[in-house]
Amino acid sequence: MNNSKHSKQHSHSHSGSHSHSGPHSHSGPHSHSHSHAPDNKKGLLIALIITGGIMFLEFFGGLVTGSLALLSDSGHMLSDTASLALSLVAMIMAVKPPSAKNSFGFYRFEIMAALFNGVTLFVIAGFIMWEAFQRFSSPPAVASGTMMLIAAVGLLANLVSAWSLMRQSGAKDNINIKSAYLHIMGDALGSVGALIAGLIMNLFSWYAADPIISVLVALLILRSAWGVIKQAFHILMEGTPLNVNTRDVQQALLGIEGVSDVHDLHIWTITSGLDALSGHLLIRDNANHEQVLQEALRVVEENFGIRHTTLQIEGSSLKHGELPV
């Protein structure tokens, strides 16, 4: 058996092709880059500036009008301003090259930022509901006309921020951007809620509408936040990517000529848009190692979109202890 018998053969090419001039041909994790990185930063920066400005407008507007809906939305926007800044820092950190101590680089910083943003959404929603319940018994009078004007400006700004993130960043593909986008959409919901509450109070002088609308908005925020937290936690726990079925991958590898067994197969997400796979392929003794490896790399990339693949090729004479995971 060749030297590959006792060594792992690797592929880390992210250019869409795999070259193997030797047993360890690498382009390394640092060759991967988020193709939308510059646009991500631009979209985040635009959203950060807009959100920060509207935060101050709604805070002082809430003080002047006495509206909890505006004050709670400004508090939410304070969290959003911090989360957008954190997302921007995460985007900058993620492109730092790997080091001896951080062999995968700092890609996970984006996932940690997304988790933090999701948790802060929960905290803000809890604060809004607590304040609303305090006001239910004796809701104060609110200057509804001014409140509606400020809420309308806030809504317009939030929609511009959300559009900027979607257009420049691709919020669907990156969990860090998605968490920032959800913060902004939470703000937009808060502004819509403030507009509705202001309209009801203006028409019917029913000031309980202010805390009631605030609670409804908080519940919608919680629903969105839970999705981000669950996804971020799944990634940090090295869960299998949601769009990949491990059994399908195993069957696809078993379908390669010369492969008799697939074991110790692991598939996980490093960060949004960068999945990784490792595993052991037991091949028949007369099979060509490099041909099997090359075909396995092709199958994994073309069928499952995974380009960061590490496979160990084993013959029948190789014996190793049972791995813990």
C-alpha atoms as a PDB file:
ATOM      1  CA  MET A   1       0.000   0.000   0.000  1.00  0.00           C
ATOM      2  CA  ASN A   2       1.254   3.564  -0.654  1.00  0.00           C
ATOM      3  CA  ASN A   3       2.257   6.141   1.922  1.00  0.00           C
ATOM      4  CA  SER A   4      -1.331   7.363   1.889  1.00  0.00           C
ATOM      5  CA  LYS A   5      -2.073   4.304   3.992  1.00  0.00           C
ATOM      6  CA  HIS A   6      -0.992   6.100   7.141  1.00  0.00           C
ATOM      7  CA  SER A   7      -1.663   9.690   6.179  1.00  0.00           C
ATOM      8  CA  LYS A   8      -4.706  11.761   5.423  1.00  0.00           C
ATOM      9  CA  GLN A   9      -5.119  12.969   1.900  1.00  0.00           C
ATOM     10  CA  HIS A  10      -6.637  16.422   1.796  1.00  0.00           C
ATOM     11  CA  SER A  11      -8.407  18.793  -0.509  1.00  0.00           C
ATOM     12  CA  HIS A  12      -8.928  22.403   0.506  1.00  0.00           C
ATOM     13  CA  SER A  13      -9.296  24.047  -2.880  1.00  0.00           C
ATOM     14  CA  HIS A  14     -12.106  26.588  -2.956  1.00  0.00           C
ATOM     15  CA  SER A  15     -11.674  27.698  -6.516  1.00  0.00           C
ATOM     16  CA  GLY A  16     -14.001  25.029  -7.842  1.00  0.00           C
ATOM     17  CA  SER A  17     -11.263  22.580  -8.952  1.00  0.00           C
ATOM     18  CA  HIS A  18      -8.930  20.247  -7.085  1.00  0.00           C
ATOM     19  CA  SER A  19      -5.310  19.629  -7.991  1.00  0.00           C
ATOM     20  CA  HIS A  20      -3.286  16.877  -6.355  1.00  0.00           C
ATOM     21  CA  SER A  21       0.320  16.998  -7.477  1.00  0.00           C
ATOM     22  CA  GLY A  22       1.235  15.256  -4.238  1.00  0.00           C
ATOM     23  CA  PRO A  23      -0.488  13.657  -1.301  1.00  0.00           C
ATOM     24  CA  HIS A  24      -0.966  16.973   0.429  1.00  0.00           C
ATOM     25  CA  SER A  25      -1.867  19.582  -2.128  1.00  0.00           C
ATOM     26  CA  HIS A  26      -3.531  22.516  -0.366  1.00  0.00           C
ATOM     27  CA  SER A  27      -4.715  25.947  -1.066  1.00  0.00           C
ATOM     28  CA  GLY A  28      -5.700  26.235   2.597  1.00  0.00           C
ATOM     29  CA  PRO A  29      -8.723  27.655   4.350  1.00  0.00           C
ATOM     30  CA  HIS A  30      -7.464  31.152   3.819  1.00  0.00           C
ATOM     31  CA  SER A  31      -7.999  30.804   0.106  1.00  0.00           C
ATOM     32  CA  HIS A  32     -11.722  30.918   0.773  1.00  0.00           C
ATOM     33  CA  SER A  33     -13.266  34.322   0.889  1.00  0.00           C
ATOM     34  CA  HIS A  34     -16.824  35.505   1.086  1.00  0.00           C
ATOM     35  CA  SER A  35     -17.530  36.711  -2.398  1.00  0.00           C
ATOM     36  CA  HIS A  36     -19.829  39.407  -1.039  1.00  0.00           C
ATOM     37  CA  ALA A  37     -17.441  40.715   1.630  1.00  0.00           C
ATOM     38  CA  PRO A  38     -16.943  44.286   0.270  1.00  0.00           C
ATOM     39  CA  ASP A  39     -20.691  44.674  -0.377  1.00  0.00           C
ATOM     40  CA  ASN A  40     -21.447  43.199   3.046  1.00  0.00           C
ATOM     41  CA  LYS A  41     -19.391  45.905   4.703  1.00  0.00           C
ATOM     42  CA  LYS A  42     -20.915  48.663   2.588  1.00  0.00           C
ATOM     43  CA  GLY A  43     -24.463  47.501   3.283  1.00  0.00           C
ATOM     44  CA  LEU A  44     -23.783  47.169   7.008  1.00  0.00           C
ATOM     45  CA  LEU A  45     -22.167  50.605   7.224  1.00  0.00           C
ATOM     46  CA  ILE A  46     -25.123  52.286   5.493  1.00  0.00           C
ATOM     47  CA  ALA A  47     -27.566  50.492   7.804  1.00  0.00           C
ATOM     48  CA  LEU A  48     -25.462  51.396  10.869  1.00  0.00           C
ATOM     49  CA  ILE A  49     -25.450  55.128  10.060  1.00  0.00           C
ATOM     50  CA  ILE A  50     -29.189  55.230   9.344  1.00  0.00           C
ATOM     51  CA  THR A  51     -30.140  53.165  12.407  1.00  0.00           C
ATOM     52  CA  GLY A  52     -27.977  55.239  14.742  1.00  0.00           C
ATOM     53  CA  GLY A  53     -29.554  58.470  13.524  1.00  0.00           C
ATOM     54  CA  ILE A  54     -33.132  57.208  13.846  1.00  0.00           C
ATOM     55  CA  MET A  55     -32.373  55.822  17.311  1.00  0.00           C
ATOM     56  CA  PHE A  56     -31.728  59.330  18.633  1.00  0.00           C
ATOM     57  CA  LEU A  57     -34.786  60.710  16.831  1.00  0.00           C
ATOM     58  CA  GLU A  58     -37.123  58.093  18.350  1.00  0.00           C
ATOM     59  CA  PHE A  59     -35.579  58.348  21.823  1.00  0.00           C
ATOM     60  CA  PHE A  60     -36.083  62.097  22.117  1.00  0.00           C
ATOM     61  CA  GLY A  61     -39.396  61.794  20.282  1.00  0.00           C
ATOM     62  CA  GLY A  62     -40.555  59.237  22.849  1.00  0.00           C
ATOM     63  CA  LEU A  63     -39.581  61.561  25.701  1.00  0.00           C
ATOM     64  CA  VAL A  64     -41.421  64.499  24.146  1.00  0.00           C
ATOM     65  CA  THR A  65     -44.586  62.564  23.232  1.00  0.00           C
ATOM     66  CA  GLY A  66     -44.633  60.178  26.205  1.00  0.00           C
ATOM     67  CA  SER A  67     -44.985  57.169  23.879  1.00  0.00           C
ATOM     68  CA  LEU A  68     -43.777  53.796  25.135  1.00  0.00           C
ATOM     69  CA  ALA A  69     -43.957  52.454  21.578  1.00  0.00           C
ATOM     70  CA  LEU A  70     -41.399  55.058  20.451  1.00  0.00           C
ATOM     71  CA  LEU A  71     -39.198  54.678  23.543  1.00  0.00           C
ATOM     72  CA  SER A  72     -39.207  50.897  23.291  1.00  0.00           C
ATOM     73  CA  ASP A  73     -38.405  51.098  19.595  1.00  0.00           C
ATOM     74  CA  SER A  74     -35.522  53.483  20.308  1.00  0.00           C
ATOM     75  CA  GLY A  75     -34.241  51.016  22.912  1.00  0.00           C
ATOM     76  CA  HIS A  76     -34.501  48.287  20.329  1.00  0.00           C
ATOM     77  CA  MET A  77     -32.617  50.502  17.889  1.00  0.00           C
ATOM     78  CA  LEU A  78     -29.871  51.072  20.465  1.00  0.00           C
ATOM     79  CA  SER A  79     -29.428  47.301  20.506  1.00  0.00           C
ATOM     80  CA  ASP A  80     -29.560  47.290  16.720  1.00  0.00           C
ATOM     81  CA  THR A  81     -26.882  49.959  16.424  1.00  0.00           C
ATOM     82  CA  ALA A  82     -24.607  47.885  18.657  1.00  0.00           C
ATOM     83  CA  SER A  83     -25.442  44.668  16.779  1.00  0.00           C
ATOM     84  CA  LEU A  84     -24.782  46.259  13.389  1.00  0.00           C
ATOM     85  CA  ALA A  85     -21.438  47.546  14.658  1.00  0.00           C
ATOM     86  CA  LEU A  86     -20.659  44.055  15.969  1.00  0.00           C
ATOM     87  CA  SER A  87     -21.642  42.505  12.642  1.00  0.00           C
ATOM     88  CA  LEU A  88     -19.331  44.928  10.862  1.00  0.00           C
ATOM     89  CA  VAL A  89     -16.460  44.017  13.194  1.00  0.00           C
ATOM     90  CA  ALA A  90     -17.250  40.327  12.638  1.00  0.00           C
ATOM     91  CA  MET A  91     -17.093  40.836   8.868  1.00  0.00           C
ATOM     92  CA  ILE A  92     -13.657  42.437   9.218  1.00  0.00           C
ATOM     93  CA  MET A  93     -12.431  39.723  11.608  1.00  0.00           C
ATOM     94  CA  ALA A  94     -13.663  36.915   9.343  1.00  0.00           C
ATOM     95  CA  VAL A  95     -11.255  37.802   6.531  1.00  0.00           C
ATOM     96  CA  LYS A  96      -8.197  37.641   8.771  1.00  0.00           C
ATOM     97  CA  PRO A  97      -5.953  34.767   7.629  1.00  0.00           C
ATOM     98  CA  PRO A  98      -5.584  31.572   9.683  1.00  0.00           C
ATOM     99  CA  SER A  99      -2.710  31.332  12.136  1.00  0.00           C
ATOM    100  CA  ALA A 100      -0.877  28.587  14.013  1.00  0.00           C
ATOM    101  CA  LYS A 101      -3.301  29.020  16.927  1.00  0.00           C
ATOM    102  CA  ASN A 102      -6.437  29.547  14.814  1.00  0.00           C
ATOM    103  CA  SER A 103      -6.133  27.112  11.932  1.00  0.00           C
ATOM    104  CA  PHE A 104      -9.655  27.923  10.666  1.00  0.00           C
ATOM    105  CA  GLY A 105      -9.085  31.662  10.946  1.00  0.00           C
ATOM    106  CA  PHE A 106     -11.778  33.831  12.516  1.00  0.00           C
ATOM    107  CA  TYR A 107     -14.794  32.770  10.444  1.00  0.00           C
ATOM    108  CA  ARG A 108     -16.695  31.688  13.557  1.00  0.00           C
ATOM    109  CA  PHE A 109     -16.674  35.268  14.862  1.00  0.00           C
ATOM    110  CA  GLU A 110     -19.583  35.901  12.476  1.00  0.00           C
ATOM    111  CA  ILE A 111     -21.599  33.085  14.034  1.00  0.00           C
ATOM    112  CA  MET A 112     -20.849  34.324  17.551  1.00  0.00           C
ATOM    113  CA  ALA A 113     -21.973  37.812  16.533  1.00  0.00           C
ATOM    114  CA  ALA A 114     -25.203  36.371  15.141  1.00  0.00           C
ATOM    115  CA  LEU A 115     -25.837  34.462  18.388  1.00  0.00           C
ATOM    116  CA  PHE A 116     -25.201  37.589  20.452  1.00  0.00           C
ATOM    117  CA  ASN A 117     -27.550  39.593  18.247  1.00  0.00           C
ATOM    118  CA  GLY A 118     -30.270  36.977  18.623  1.00  0.00           C
ATOM    119  CA  VAL A 119     -29.931  37.004  22.408  1.00  0.00           C
ATOM    120  CA  THR A 120     -30.098  40.807  22.552  1.00  0.00           C
ATOM    121  CA  LEU A 121     -33.329  40.677  20.547  1.00  0.00           C
ATOM    122  CA  PHE A 122     -34.774  38.449  23.281  1.00  0.00           C
ATOM    123  CA  VAL A 123     -33.646  40.865  26.000  1.00  0.00           C
ATOM    124  CA  ILE A 124     -35.094  43.896  24.224  1.00  0.00           C
ATOM    125  CA  ALA A 125     -38.403  42.116  23.578  1.00  0.00           C
ATOM    126  CA  GLY A 126     -38.602  41.146  27.260  1.00  0.00           C
ATOM    127  CA  PHE A 127     -37.967  44.743  28.317  1.00  0.00           C
ATOM    128  CA  ILE A 128     -40.689  46.028  25.968  1.00  0.00           C
ATOM    129  CA  MET A 129     -43.245  43.564  27.348  1.00  0.00           C
ATOM    130  CA  TRP A 130     -42.365  44.365  30.958  1.00  0.00           C
ATOM    131  CA  GLU A 131     -42.795  48.097  30.384  1.00  0.00           C
ATOM    132  CA  ALA A 132     -46.045  47.495  28.507  1.00  0.00           C
ATOM    133  CA  PHE A 133     -47.546  45.453  31.354  1.00  0.00           C
ATOM    134  CA  GLN A 134     -46.648  48.261  33.758  1.00  0.00           C
ATOM    135  CA  ARG A 135     -48.703  50.665  31.640  1.00  0.00           C
ATOM    136  CA  PHE A 136     -51.797  48.523  31.120  1.00  0.00           C
ATOM    137  CA  SER A 137     -53.516  49.573  34.362  1.00  0.00           C
ATOM    138  CA  SER A 138     -53.212  53.323  33.764  1.00  0.00           C
ATOM    139  CA  PRO A 139     -51.932  54.148  30.275  1.00  0.00           C
ATOM    140  CA  PRO A 140     -50.637  57.751  30.078  1.00  0.00           C
ATOM    141  CA  ALA A 141     -51.783  60.215  27.449  1.00  0.00           C
ATOM    142  CA  VAL A 142     -49.613  60.293  24.339  1.00  0.00           C
ATOM    143  CA  ALA A 143     -49.044  63.060  21.782  1.00  0.00           C
ATOM    144  CA  SER A 144     -50.193  60.792  18.983  1.00  0.00           C
ATOM    145  CA  GLY A 145     -49.736  63.212  16.068  1.00  0.00           C
ATOM    146  CA  THR A 146     -46.043  63.844  16.746  1.00  0.00           C
ATOM    147  CA  MET A 147     -45.580  60.167  17.574  1.00  0.00           C
ATOM    148  CA  MET A 148     -46.966  59.134  14.168  1.00  0.00           C
ATOM    149  CA  LEU A 149     -44.730  61.598  12.333  1.00  0.00           C
ATOM    150  CA  ILE A 150     -41.587  60.294  14.069  1.00  0.00           C
ATOM    151  CA  ALA A 151     -42.664  56.666  13.552  1.00  0.00           C
ATOM    152  CA  ALA A 152     -43.184  57.326   9.827  1.00  0.00           C
ATOM    153  CA  VAL A 153     -39.661  58.733   9.501  1.00  0.00           C
ATOM    154  CA  GLY A 154     -38.310  55.733  11.436  1.00  0.00           C
ATOM    155  CA  LEU A 155     -40.169  53.274   9.222  1.00  0.00           C
ATOM    156  CA  LEU A 156     -38.847  54.885   6.048  1.00  0.00           C
ATOM    157  CA  ALA A 157     -35.287  54.806   7.397  1.00  0.00           C
ATOM    158  CA  ASN A 158     -35.634  51.156   8.440  1.00  0.00           C
ATOM    159  CA  LEU A 159     -36.881  50.162   5.017  1.00  0.00           C
ATOM    160  CA  VAL A 160     -33.926  51.941   3.394  1.00  0.00           C
ATOM    161  CA  SER A 161     -31.539  50.121   5.764  1.00  0.00           C
ATOM    162  CA  ALA A 162     -33.174  46.750   5.070  1.00  0.00           C
ATOM    163  CA  TRP A 163     -33.066  47.380   1.317  1.00  0.00           C
ATOM    164  CA  SER A 164     -29.386  48.309   1.593  1.00  0.00           C
ATOM    165  CA  LEU A 165     -28.562  45.065   3.403  1.00  0.00           C
ATOM    166  CA  MET A 166     -30.570  42.907   0.993  1.00  0.00           C
ATOM    167  CA  ARG A 167     -29.186  44.616  -2.104  1.00  0.00           C
ATOM    168  CA  GLN A 168     -25.575  44.946  -0.994  1.00  0.00           C
ATOM    169  CA  SER A 169     -25.175  41.936   1.272  1.00  0.00           C
ATOM    170  CA  GLY A 170     -27.394  38.972   0.539  1.00  0.00           C
ATOM    171  CA  ALA A 171     -29.035  38.530   3.927  1.00  0.00           C
ATOM    172  CA  LYS A 172     -30.385  35.091   3.025  1.00  0.00           C
ATOM    173  CA  ASP A 173     -26.957  33.457   2.693  1.00  0.00           C
ATOM    174  CA  ASN A 174     -25.070  34.851   5.678  1.00  0.00           C
ATOM    175  CA  ILE A 175     -26.362  34.267   9.217  1.00  0.00           C
ATOM    176  CA  ASN A 176     -24.452  37.290  10.537  1.00  0.00           C
ATOM    177  CA  ILE A 177     -26.089  39.587   7.963  1.00  0.00           C
ATOM    178  CA  LYS A 178     -29.398  37.814   8.500  1.00  0.00           C
ATOM    179  CA  SER A 179     -29.317  38.574  12.237  1.00  0.00           C
ATOM    180  CA  ALA A 180     -28.566  42.242  11.516  1.00  0.00           C
ATOM    181  CA  TYR A 181     -31.344  42.283   8.918  1.00  0.00           C
ATOM    182  CA  LEU A 182     -33.811  40.829  11.446  1.00  0.00           C
ATOM    183  CA  HIS A 183     -32.857  43.547  13.931  1.00  0.00           C
ATOM    184  CA  ILE A 184     -33.696  46.175  11.318  1.00  0.00           C
ATOM    185  CA  MET A 185     -36.961  44.461  10.360  1.00  0.00           C
ATOM    186  CA  GLY A 186     -37.786  44.352  14.073  1.00  0.00           C
ATOM    187  CA  ASP A 187     -37.290  48.122  14.087  1.00  0.00           C
ATOM    188  CA  ALA A 188     -39.560  48.447  11.062  1.00  0.00           C
ATOM    189  CA  LEU A 189     -42.231  46.422  12.875  1.00  0.00           C
ATOM    190  CA  GLY A 190     -41.825  48.706  15.878  1.00  0.00           C
ATOM    191  CA  SER A 191     -42.342  51.754  13.674  1.00  0.00           C
ATOM    192  CA  VAL A 192     -45.423  50.186  12.057  1.00  0.00           C
ATOM    193  CA  GLY A 193     -46.739  49.382  15.532  1.00  0.00           C
ATOM    194  CA  ALA A 194     -46.153  52.949  16.670  1.00  0.00           C
ATOM    195  CA  LEU A 195     -48.005  54.259  13.600  1.00  0.00           C
ATOM    196  CA  ILE A 196     -50.996  51.983  14.250  1.00  0.00           C
ATOM    197  CA  ALA A 197     -51.043  52.848  17.954  1.00  0.00           C
ATOM    198  CA  GLY A 198     -50.797  56.560  17.138  1.00  0.00           C
ATOM    199  CA  LEU A 199     -53.674  56.327  14.665  1.00  0.00           C
ATOM    200  CA  ILE A 200     -55.906  54.491  17.166  1.00  0.00           C
ATOM    201  CA  MET A 201     -55.109  56.991  19.929  1.00  0.00           C
ATOM    202  CA  ASN A 202     -55.640  59.913  17.580  1.00  0.00           C
ATOM    203  CA  LEU A 203     -59.061  58.648  16.457  1.00  0.00           C
ATOM    204  CA  PHE A 204     -60.426  57.122  19.660  1.00  0.00           C
ATOM    205  CA  SER A 205     -58.198  58.497  22.478  1.00  0.00           C
ATOM    206  CA  TRP A 206     -57.703  54.868  23.565  1.00  0.00           C
ATOM    207  CA  TYR A 207     -54.211  55.094  25.070  1.00  0.00           C
ATOM    208  CA  ALA A 208     -54.037  51.397  25.990  1.00  0.00           C
ATOM    209  CA  ALA A 209     -53.318  50.830  22.299  1.00  0.00           C
ATOM    210  CA  ASP A 210     -49.730  51.993  22.895  1.00  0.00           C
ATOM    211  CA  PRO A 211     -48.672  49.162  25.271  1.00  0.00           C
ATOM    212  CA  ILE A 212     -50.832  46.561  23.455  1.00  0.00           C
ATOM    213  CA  ILE A 213     -49.170  47.252  20.107  1.00  0.00           C
ATOM    214  CA  SER A 214     -45.773  47.212  21.842  1.00  0.00           C
ATOM    215  CA  VAL A 215     -46.396  43.672  23.151  1.00  0.00           C
ATOM    216  CA  LEU A 216     -47.503  42.418  19.724  1.00  0.00           C
ATOM    217  CA  VAL A 217     -44.345  43.832  18.136  1.00  0.00           C
ATOM    218  CA  ALA A 218     -42.215  42.250  20.887  1.00  0.00           C
ATOM    219  CA  LEU A 219     -43.754  38.827  20.187  1.00  0.00           C
ATOM    220  CA  LEU A 220     -42.950  39.147  16.483  1.00  0.00           C
ATOM    221  CA  ILE A 221     -39.370  40.100  17.384  1.00  0.00           C
ATOM    222  CA  LEU A 222     -39.081  37.027  19.627  1.00  0.00           C
ATOM    223  CA  ARG A 223     -40.201  34.752  16.805  1.00  0.00           C
ATOM    224  CA  SER A 224     -37.505  36.064  14.462  1.00  0.00           C
ATOM    225  CA  ALA A 225     -34.824  36.045  17.152  1.00  0.00           C
ATOM    226  CA  TRP A 226     -35.463  32.396  17.999  1.00  0.00           C
ATOM    227  CA  GLY A 227     -34.717  31.352  14.401  1.00  0.00           C
ATOM    228  CA  VAL A 228     -31.334  33.134  14.448  1.00  0.00           C
ATOM    229  CA  ILE A 229     -30.386  31.739  17.875  1.00  0.00           C
ATOM    230  CA  LYS A 230     -31.321  28.193  16.867  1.00  0.00           C
ATOM    231  CA  GLN A 231     -29.309  28.363  13.630  1.00  0.00           C
ATOM    232  CA  ALA A 232     -26.243  29.916  15.293  1.00  0.00           C
ATOM    233  CA  PHE A 233     -26.329  27.357  18.115  1.00  0.00           C
ATOM    234  CA  HIS A 234     -26.622  24.534  15.568  1.00  0.00           C
ATOM    235  CA  ILE A 235     -23.486  25.768  13.782  1.00  0.00           C
ATOM    236  CA  LEU A 236     -21.515  26.222  17.008  1.00  0.00           C
ATOM    237  CA  MET A 237     -22.473  22.654  18.008  1.00  0.00           C
ATOM    238  CA  GLU A 238     -20.935  21.440  14.711  1.00  0.00           C
ATOM    239  CA  GLY A 239     -24.361  20.374  13.447  1.00  0.00           C
ATOM    240  CA  THR A 240     -24.772  19.076   9.918  1.00  0.00           C
ATOM    241  CA  PRO A 241     -25.659  21.886   7.459  1.00  0.00           C
ATOM    242  CA  LEU A 242     -29.418  22.156   7.066  1.00  0.00           C
ATOM    243  CA  ASN A 243     -29.215  21.661   3.292  1.00  0.00           C
ATOM    244  CA  VAL A 244     -27.120  18.474   3.521  1.00  0.00           C
ATOM    245  CA  ASN A 245     -28.289  14.968   4.435  1.00  0.00           C
ATOM    246  CA  THR A 246     -25.431  12.868   5.856  1.00  0.00           C
ATOM    247  CA  ARG A 247     -27.011   9.613   4.672  1.00  0.00           C
ATOM    248  CA  ASP A 248     -27.228  10.962   1.101  1.00  0.00           C
ATOM    249  CA  VAL A 249     -23.537  11.901   1.195  1.00  0.00           C
ATOM    250  CA  GLN A 250     -22.617   8.450   2.483  1.00  0.00           C
ATOM    251  CA  GLN A 251     -24.626   6.726  -0.249  1.00  0.00           C
ATOM    252  CA  ALA A 252     -23.070   8.941  -2.921  1.00  0.00           C
ATOM    253  CA  LEU A 253     -19.552   8.033  -1.741  1.00  0.00           C
ATOM    254  CA  LEU A 254     -20.426   4.334  -1.564  1.00  0.00           C
ATOM    255  CA  GLY A 255     -21.531   4.580  -5.177  1.00  0.00           C
ATOM    256  CA  ILE A 256     -17.973   5.365  -6.286  1.00  0.00           C
ATOM    257  CA  GLU A 257     -16.249   2.412  -7.961  1.00  0.00           C
ATOM    258  CA  GLY A 258     -13.673   0.885  -5.631  1.00  0.00           C
ATOM    259  CA  VAL A 259     -15.217   2.170  -2.362  1.00  0.00           C
ATOM    260  CA  SER A 260     -16.421  -0.607  -0.052  1.00  0.00           C
ATOM    261  CA  ASP A 261     -17.167   1.367   3.123  1.00  0.00           C
ATOM    262  CA  VAL A 262     -17.580   4.942   4.367  1.00  0.00           C
ATOM    263  CA  HIS A 263     -17.131   5.652   8.078  1.00  0.00           C
ATOM    264  CA  ASP A 264     -16.300   8.438  10.554  1.00  0.00           C
ATOM    265  CA  LEU A 265     -18.102  10.847   8.248  1.00  0.00           C
ATOM    266  CA  HIS A 266     -18.505  14.373   9.617  1.00  0.00           C
ATOM    267  CA  ILE A 267     -20.094  17.375   7.912  1.00  0.00           C
ATOM    268  CA  TRP A 268     -20.294  20.791   9.548  1.00  0.00           C
ATOM    269  CA  THR A 269     -20.469  24.517   8.868  1.00  0.00           C
ATOM    270  CA  ILE A 270     -17.468  26.726   9.558  1.00  0.00           C
ATOM    271  CA  THR A 271     -19.372  29.905   8.759  1.00  0.00           C
ATOM    272  CA  SER A 272     -22.163  30.958   6.414  1.00  0.00           C
ATOM    273  CA  GLY A 273     -21.408  29.675   2.927  1.00  0.00           C
ATOM    274  CA  LEU A 274     -18.438  27.548   4.016  1.00  0.00           C
ATOM    275  CA  ASP A 275     -19.232  23.916   4.834  1.00  0.00           C
ATOM    276  CA  ALA A 276     -16.612  21.254   5.547  1.00  0.00           C
ATOM    277  CA  LEU A 277     -16.487  17.463   5.346  1.00  0.00           C
ATOM    278  CA  SER A 278     -14.141  14.815   6.663  1.00  0.00           C
ATOM    279  CA  GLY A 279     -14.348  11.046   6.519  1.00  0.00           C
ATOM    280  CA  HIS A 280     -12.665   7.709   5.901  1.00  0.00           C
ATOM    281  CA  LEU A 281     -13.058   5.702   2.692  1.00  0.00           C
ATOM    282  CA  LEU A 282     -12.245   1.995   2.816  1.00  0.00           C
ATOM    283  CA  ILE A 283     -11.361   0.926  -0.714  1.00  0.00           C
ATOM    284  CA  ARG A 284     -10.671  -2.403  -2.365  1.00  0.00           C
ATOM    285  CA  ASP A 285      -6.997  -3.348  -2.492  1.00  0.00           C
ATOM    286  CA  ASN A 286      -6.849  -3.246  -6.288  1.00  0.00           C
ATOM    287  CA  ALA A 287      -8.423   0.242  -6.510  1.00  0.00           C
ATOM    288  CA  ASN A 288      -6.376   3.292  -7.482  1.00  0.00           C
ATOM    289  CA  HIS A 289      -6.149   5.594  -4.452  1.00  0.00           C
ATOM    290  CA  GLU A 290      -5.820   8.860  -6.332  1.00  0.00           C
ATOM    291  CA  GLN A 291      -8.614   8.063  -8.777  1.00  0.00           C
ATOM    292  CA  VAL A 292     -10.982   7.192  -5.932  1.00  0.00           C
ATOM    293  CA  LEU A 293     -10.031  10.347  -4.041  1.00  0.00           C
ATOM    294  CA  GLN A 294     -10.442  12.559  -7.096  1.00  0.00           C
ATOM    295  CA  GLU A 295     -13.868  11.082  -7.839  1.00  0.00           C
ATOM    296  CA  ALA A 296     -14.930  11.456  -4.200  1.00  0.00           C
ATOM    297  CA  LEU A 297     -13.958  15.121  -4.211  1.00  0.00           C
ATOM    298  CA  ARG A 298     -15.932  15.673  -7.416  1.00  0.00           C
ATOM    299  CA  VAL A 299     -19.020  13.886  -6.087  1.00  0.00           C
ATOM    300  CA  VAL A 300     -19.016  15.842  -2.819  1.00  0.00           C
ATOM    301  CA  GLU A 301     -18.560  19.214  -4.521  1.00  0.00           C
ATOM    302  CA  GLU A 302     -20.943  18.758  -7.447  1.00  0.00           C
ATOM    303  CA  ASN A 303     -23.767  17.072  -5.496  1.00  0.00           C
ATOM    304  CA  PHE A 304     -23.551  18.821  -2.130  1.00  0.00           C
ATOM    305  CA  GLY A 305     -21.626  22.061  -2.778  1.00  0.00           C
ATOM    306  CA  ILE A 306     -18.898  21.207  -0.250  1.00  0.00           C
ATOM    307  CA  ARG A 307     -15.410  22.227  -1.353  1.00  0.00           C
ATOM    308  CA  HIS A 308     -13.535  22.010   1.955  1.00  0.00           C
ATOM    309  CA  THR A 309     -13.126  18.227   2.018  1.00  0.00           C
ATOM    310  CA  THR A 310     -10.682  16.008   3.924  1.00  0.00           C
ATOM    311  CA  LEU A 311     -10.776  12.278   3.167  1.00  0.00           C
ATOM    312  CA  GLN A 312      -8.608   9.463   4.486  1.00  0.00           C
ATOM    313  CA  ILE A 313      -8.152   6.591   2.053  1.00  0.00           C
ATOM    314  CA  GLU A 314      -7.769   3.192   3.718  1.00  0.00           C
ATOM    315  CA  GLY A 315      -6.966  -0.320   2.490  1.00  0.00           C
ATOM    316  CA  SER A 316      -7.992  -3.598   4.090  1.00  0.00           C
ATOM    317  CA  SER A 317      -4.656  -3.959   5.903  1.00  0.00           C
ATOM    318  CA  LEU A 318      -4.968  -0.638   7.760  1.00  0.00           C
ATOM    319  CA  LYS A 319      -6.140  -0.969  11.353  1.00  0.00           C
ATOM    320  CA  HIS A 320      -6.901   1.969  13.601  1.00  0.00           C
ATOM    321  CA  GLY A 321      -8.672   2.290  16.917  1.00  0.00           C
ATOM    322  CA  GLU A 322     -12.284   3.338  17.159  1.00  0.00           C
ATOM    323  CA  LEU A 323     -12.626   7.118  17.067  1.00  0.00           C
ATOM    324  CA  PRO A 324     -14.584   8.830  19.887  1.00  0.00           C
ATOM    325  CA  VAL A 325     -16.853  10.726  17.465  1.00  0.00           C
END
